Amino acid sequence: MDGTKRSDIKQGLRVSVVLKKDQQTGKLTEGIVKDILTNSPAHPHGIKVRLESGEVGRVKKISA
């Protein structure tokens, strides 16, 4: 699962996101989903979420 479908992402899920400041490098940050910020059912660059740490980024990978 690559994080482009909103239905795949739930609160409490462990994910890897790209933060806005890391978009150039593609550096991933891991964390737990606190809020889902994207309203549309899908987004080509990944669903935007807020992690429990307060960081906001787009989901690139969903950890099992």
C-alpha atoms as a PDB file:
ATOM      1  CA  MET A   1       0.000   0.000   0.000  1.00  0.00           C
ATOM      2  CA  ASP A   2       1.490   3.277  -1.129  1.00  0.00           C
ATOM      3  CA  GLY A   3      -0.654   5.806   0.729  1.00  0.00           C
ATOM      4  CA  THR A   4      -2.489   7.332  -2.234  1.00  0.00           C
ATOM      5  CA  LYS A   5      -5.957   6.044  -1.193  1.00  0.00           C
ATOM      6  CA  ARG A   6      -7.656   7.629   1.824  1.00  0.00           C
ATOM      7  CA  SER A   7      -9.544   4.380   2.589  1.00  0.00           C
ATOM      8  CA  ASP A   8      -6.210   2.613   3.336  1.00  0.00           C
ATOM      9  CA  ILE A   9      -5.268   5.095   6.080  1.00  0.00           C
ATOM     10  CA  LYS A  10      -6.707   5.037   9.598  1.00  0.00           C
ATOM     11  CA  GLN A  11      -5.898   6.857  12.842  1.00  0.00           C
ATOM     12  CA  GLY A  12      -3.297   4.976  14.884  1.00  0.00           C
ATOM     13  CA  LEU A  13      -1.624   3.428  11.816  1.00  0.00           C
ATOM     14  CA  ARG A  14       2.184   3.512  11.547  1.00  0.00           C
ATOM     15  CA  VAL A  15       3.212   5.235   8.313  1.00  0.00           C
ATOM     16  CA  SER A  16       6.201   6.806   6.574  1.00  0.00           C
ATOM     17  CA  VAL A  17       5.610  10.341   5.297  1.00  0.00           C
ATOM     18  CA  VAL A  18       7.531  12.971   3.350  1.00  0.00           C
ATOM     19  CA  LEU A  19       7.443  16.297   5.183  1.00  0.00           C
ATOM     20  CA  LYS A  20       7.150  19.557   3.199  1.00  0.00           C
ATOM     21  CA  LYS A  21      10.763  20.477   4.035  1.00  0.00           C
ATOM     22  CA  ASP A  22      11.960  17.047   2.808  1.00  0.00           C
ATOM     23  CA  GLN A  23      10.149  16.999  -0.549  1.00  0.00           C
ATOM     24  CA  GLN A  24      13.372  17.841  -2.442  1.00  0.00           C
ATOM     25  CA  THR A  25      15.298  14.926  -0.910  1.00  0.00           C
ATOM     26  CA  GLY A  26      12.407  12.481  -0.441  1.00  0.00           C
ATOM     27  CA  LYS A  27      13.540  11.745   3.144  1.00  0.00           C
ATOM     28  CA  LEU A  28      10.924   9.660   4.975  1.00  0.00           C
ATOM     29  CA  THR A  29       9.751  10.295   8.539  1.00  0.00           C
ATOM     30  CA  GLU A  30       8.004   7.533  10.438  1.00  0.00           C
ATOM     31  CA  GLY A  31       5.140   8.078  12.844  1.00  0.00           C
ATOM     32  CA  ILE A  32       1.603   7.274  13.965  1.00  0.00           C
ATOM     33  CA  VAL A  33      -1.382   8.905  12.176  1.00  0.00           C
ATOM     34  CA  LYS A  34      -3.249  11.345  14.426  1.00  0.00           C
ATOM     35  CA  ASP A  35      -5.426  13.149  11.822  1.00  0.00           C
ATOM     36  CA  ILE A  36      -6.169  12.648   8.120  1.00  0.00           C
ATOM     37  CA  LEU A  37      -6.029  16.071   6.432  1.00  0.00           C
ATOM     38  CA  THR A  38      -6.858  15.179   2.804  1.00  0.00           C
ATOM     39  CA  ASN A  39     -10.612  15.125   2.140  1.00  0.00           C
ATOM     40  CA  SER A  40     -10.578  13.600  -1.350  1.00  0.00           C
ATOM     41  CA  PRO A  41     -10.697   9.759  -1.652  1.00  0.00           C
ATOM     42  CA  ALA A  42      -7.307   9.644  -3.429  1.00  0.00           C
ATOM     43  CA  HIS A  43      -4.293  11.858  -4.088  1.00  0.00           C
ATOM     44  CA  PRO A  44      -1.458  11.042  -6.537  1.00  0.00           C
ATOM     45  CA  HIS A  45       1.279  12.333  -4.187  1.00  0.00           C
ATOM     46  CA  GLY A  46      -0.096  10.618  -1.081  1.00  0.00           C
ATOM     47  CA  ILE A  47      -2.749  11.421   1.507  1.00  0.00           C
ATOM     48  CA  LYS A  48      -1.767  14.315   3.793  1.00  0.00           C
ATOM     49  CA  VAL A  49      -1.774  13.399   7.496  1.00  0.00           C
ATOM     50  CA  ARG A  50      -0.765  14.873  10.844  1.00  0.00           C
ATOM     51  CA  LEU A  51       1.385  12.548  12.931  1.00  0.00           C
ATOM     52  CA  GLU A  52       1.120  12.260  16.726  1.00  0.00           C
ATOM     53  CA  SER A  53       4.380  14.250  16.856  1.00  0.00           C
ATOM     54  CA  GLY A  54       2.528  17.174  15.209  1.00  0.00           C
ATOM     55  CA  GLU A  55       4.437  16.906  11.923  1.00  0.00           C
ATOM     56  CA  VAL A  56       2.421  17.085   8.675  1.00  0.00           C
ATOM     57  CA  GLY A  57       3.339  15.187   5.535  1.00  0.00           C
ATOM     58  CA  ARG A  58       2.119  12.996   2.697  1.00  0.00           C
ATOM     59  CA  VAL A  59       1.989   9.225   3.222  1.00  0.00           C
ATOM     60  CA  LYS A  60       4.479   7.336   1.061  1.00  0.00           C
ATOM     61  CA  LYS A  61       4.408   3.951   2.790  1.00  0.00           C
ATOM     62  CA  ILE A  62       2.087   2.166   5.214  1.00  0.00           C
ATOM     63  CA  SER A  63       3.902  -0.045   7.735  1.00  0.00           C
ATOM     64  CA  ALA A  64       2.208  -3.265   8.809  1.00  0.00           C
END
